[in-house]
Protein backbone atom coordinates (compact mmCIF):
# COMPACT_ATOMS: atom_id res chain seq x y z
CA MET A 1 -194.59 -3.60 155.79
CA LYS A 2 -195.61 -6.92 155.64
CA VAL A 3 -195.16 -9.07 152.66
CA THR A 4 -197.45 -12.04 152.44
CA GLN A 5 -197.50 -14.64 149.93
CA GLY A 6 -200.45 -16.80 149.00
CA LEU A 7 -200.61 -20.48 148.71
CA PHE A 8 -200.56 -20.53 144.97
CA GLU A 9 -199.57 -17.62 142.91
CA PHE A 10 -199.31 -17.52 139.20
CA ASN A 11 -195.80 -16.93 138.16
CA TRP A 12 -194.41 -16.87 134.63
CA ASN A 13 -191.26 -18.66 135.85
CA PHE A 14 -193.40 -21.48 137.10
CA LEU A 15 -195.10 -21.79 133.71
CA PHE A 16 -191.78 -21.83 131.85
CA ALA A 17 -190.44 -24.43 134.29
CA ILE A 18 -193.43 -26.70 133.62
CA ILE A 19 -193.12 -26.26 129.84
CA THR A 20 -189.37 -26.95 130.04
CA PHE A 21 -190.06 -30.02 132.14
CA LEU A 22 -192.64 -31.33 129.65
CA VAL A 23 -190.38 -30.71 126.64
CA LEU A 24 -187.43 -32.31 128.42
CA PHE A 25 -189.62 -35.27 129.44
CA GLY A 26 -190.83 -35.70 125.83
CA ILE A 27 -187.29 -35.60 124.47
CA LEU A 28 -186.00 -38.01 127.10
CA LYS A 29 -188.96 -40.32 126.56
CA HIS A 30 -188.46 -40.32 122.81
CA PHE A 31 -184.68 -40.75 122.78
CA PHE A 32 -183.83 -42.35 126.11
CA PHE A 33 -186.70 -44.03 127.99
CA GLU A 34 -187.85 -46.16 125.02
CA LYS A 35 -184.33 -47.40 124.36
CA VAL A 36 -183.68 -48.10 128.03
CA HIS A 37 -187.06 -49.81 128.31
CA ASN A 38 -186.36 -51.95 125.19
CA TYR A 39 -182.88 -52.78 126.50
CA MET A 40 -184.31 -53.78 129.89
CA GLU A 41 -186.97 -55.95 128.22
CA ALA A 42 -184.35 -57.63 125.99
CA ARG A 43 -182.07 -58.17 128.97
CA SER A 44 -184.94 -59.58 131.04
CA LYS A 45 -185.86 -61.93 128.18
CA SER A 46 -182.21 -62.98 127.81
CA VAL A 47 -181.90 -63.73 131.52
CA GLN A 48 -185.18 -65.67 131.47
CA ASP A 49 -184.02 -67.68 128.43
CA THR A 50 -180.73 -68.45 130.19
CA LEU A 51 -182.59 -69.58 133.32
CA ASP A 52 -184.93 -71.75 131.22
CA HIS A 53 -181.98 -73.26 129.39
CA ALA A 54 -180.20 -73.93 132.71
CA SER A 55 -183.37 -75.53 134.08
CA LYS A 56 -183.68 -77.78 131.02
CA THR A 57 -180.01 -78.70 131.24
CA SER A 58 -180.40 -79.45 134.94
CA ARG A 59 -183.39 -81.73 134.25
CA LYS A 60 -181.47 -83.52 131.48
CA ALA A 61 -178.49 -83.95 133.80
CA GLU A 62 -180.79 -85.28 136.52
CA LYS A 63 -182.34 -87.79 134.07
CA LYS A 64 -178.89 -88.91 132.93
CA LEU A 65 -177.75 -89.23 136.54
CA LYS A 66 -180.74 -91.44 137.33
CA ALA A 67 -180.08 -93.51 134.21
CA TYR A 68 -176.41 -93.91 135.16
CA GLU A 69 -177.35 -94.87 138.71
CA LYS A 70 -179.72 -97.46 137.27
CA GLN A 71 -176.96 -98.79 135.03
CA ILE A 72 -174.54 -98.93 137.94
CA ALA A 73 -177.10 -100.78 140.05
CA GLY A 74 -177.69 -103.14 137.12
CA ALA A 75 -173.95 -103.65 136.71
CA GLU A 76 -173.56 -104.39 140.41
CA GLU A 77 -176.40 -106.91 140.25
CA GLU A 78 -174.91 -108.44 137.11
CA GLY A 79 -171.52 -108.66 138.85
CA ARG A 80 -173.10 -110.43 141.84
CA GLN A 81 -174.87 -112.81 139.45
CA ILE A 82 -171.64 -113.54 137.58
CA ILE A 83 -169.85 -114.26 140.86
CA GLN A 84 -172.71 -116.49 142.00
CA ASP A 85 -172.68 -118.36 138.68
CA ALA A 86 -168.90 -118.76 138.89
CA ARG A 87 -169.20 -120.18 142.40
CA LYS A 88 -171.86 -122.65 141.24
CA GLU A 89 -169.68 -123.66 138.28
CA ALA A 90 -166.68 -124.07 140.60
CA ARG A 91 -168.74 -126.29 142.92
CA VAL A 92 -169.90 -128.38 139.96
CA GLN A 93 -166.33 -128.73 138.71
CA ALA A 94 -165.06 -129.57 142.20
CA ASP A 95 -167.77 -132.21 142.59
CA ARG A 96 -166.95 -133.60 139.15
CA ILE A 97 -163.24 -133.74 139.97
CA VAL A 98 -163.95 -135.44 143.30
CA ASP A 99 -166.26 -137.93 141.58
CA GLU A 100 -163.63 -138.65 138.93
CA ALA A 101 -160.96 -139.12 141.61
CA ASN A 102 -163.27 -141.44 143.56
CA GLU A 103 -163.99 -143.41 140.38
CA GLU A 104 -160.27 -143.67 139.58
CA ALA A 105 -159.55 -144.78 143.14
CA HIS A 106 -162.35 -147.34 142.94
CA GLN A 107 -161.00 -148.64 139.64
CA ALA A 108 -157.49 -148.81 141.10
CA VAL A 109 -158.83 -150.78 144.07
CA MET A 110 -160.72 -153.09 141.71
CA ARG A 111 -157.59 -153.62 139.57
CA SER A 112 -155.59 -154.33 142.71
CA GLN A 113 -158.17 -156.80 143.95
CA GLN A 114 -158.21 -158.51 140.55
CA GLU A 115 -154.41 -158.65 140.55
CA ILE A 116 -154.42 -160.11 144.07
CA GLU A 117 -156.99 -162.67 143.02
CA ARG A 118 -154.92 -163.62 139.93
CA GLN A 119 -151.83 -163.95 142.09
CA GLN A 120 -153.75 -166.09 144.60
CA GLN A 121 -154.98 -168.34 141.79
CA ALA A 122 -151.47 -168.56 140.37
CA ALA A 123 -150.13 -169.42 143.84
CA ARG A 124 -152.82 -172.08 144.24
CA ARG A 125 -151.95 -173.57 140.86
CA GLN A 126 -148.27 -173.48 141.80
CA LEU A 127 -149.07 -175.08 145.14
CA ARG A 128 -151.15 -177.78 143.46
CA ARG A 129 -148.29 -178.55 141.07
CA GLU A 130 -145.82 -178.71 143.90
CA VAL A 131 -148.13 -180.86 146.00
CA GLY A 132 -148.67 -183.07 142.95
CA ASP A 133 -144.92 -183.28 142.37
CA LEU A 134 -144.37 -184.10 146.03
CA ALA A 135 -147.07 -186.75 145.89
CA VAL A 136 -145.50 -188.28 142.78
CA GLU A 137 -142.06 -188.19 144.38
CA ALA A 138 -143.41 -189.74 147.57
CA ALA A 139 -145.21 -192.42 145.57
CA GLY A 140 -142.04 -193.11 143.60
CA ARG A 141 -140.03 -193.63 146.77
CA ILE A 142 -142.75 -195.76 148.22
CA MET A 143 -142.71 -197.88 145.12
CA GLU A 144 -138.99 -198.41 145.36
CA LYS A 145 -139.22 -200.51 148.39
CA GLU A 146 -141.66 -202.25 150.46
CA ILE A 147 -142.34 -200.29 153.54
CA THR A 148 -143.95 -200.55 156.88
CA PRO A 149 -146.21 -197.85 158.31
CA GLU A 150 -143.25 -196.43 160.26
CA ASP A 151 -141.19 -196.28 157.07
CA HIS A 152 -144.11 -194.73 155.28
CA LYS A 153 -144.29 -191.98 157.94
CA GLU A 154 -140.55 -191.44 157.75
CA ILE A 155 -140.65 -191.08 153.94
CA ILE A 156 -143.47 -188.56 154.11
CA ASP A 157 -141.61 -186.52 156.76
CA LYS A 158 -138.49 -186.58 154.63
CA VAL A 159 -140.41 -185.45 151.51
CA LEU A 160 -141.99 -182.62 153.45
CA LYS A 161 -138.61 -181.65 154.88
CA ASP A 162 -137.07 -181.61 151.38
CA ALA A 163 -139.99 -179.56 150.08
CA GLY A 164 -139.51 -177.04 152.91
CA GLU A 165 -135.79 -176.68 152.09
CA LYS A 166 -136.57 -176.14 148.39
CA LYS A 167 -138.81 -173.19 149.16
């Protein structure tokens, strides 16, 4: 005996299995799938919001980084400018100090030259007085006696010799 089975046979077990499947699917859909789906949607939205917030924060941080880099570059440039200005000021002060020192040296030289000239004039006046005194003394001796040209020469030599000893 041969038992054959067809491709599709109607079976009451099959019908109860399909009805059980549909009831179970309806119950799961109503109580479980909707809640899981809503939870997944909320979680997806939360993750997307977090990513958007992180992206915004990253852009803000990037902008601030660029601003800080600009400020640092500006500060470096300002520092170079301050150093350059300080060098210029130092050169100006050094030149001024050198000019003042040169002026003081020039004035000291001028004062020294004036002092030398005053001393030379005083020495000339002194010399004139002494020469005048010597001339008067020589004339007085000449007047004391009558002299010959040899005596005259001898008196002058003696006056000059006395003047040399006085110095």
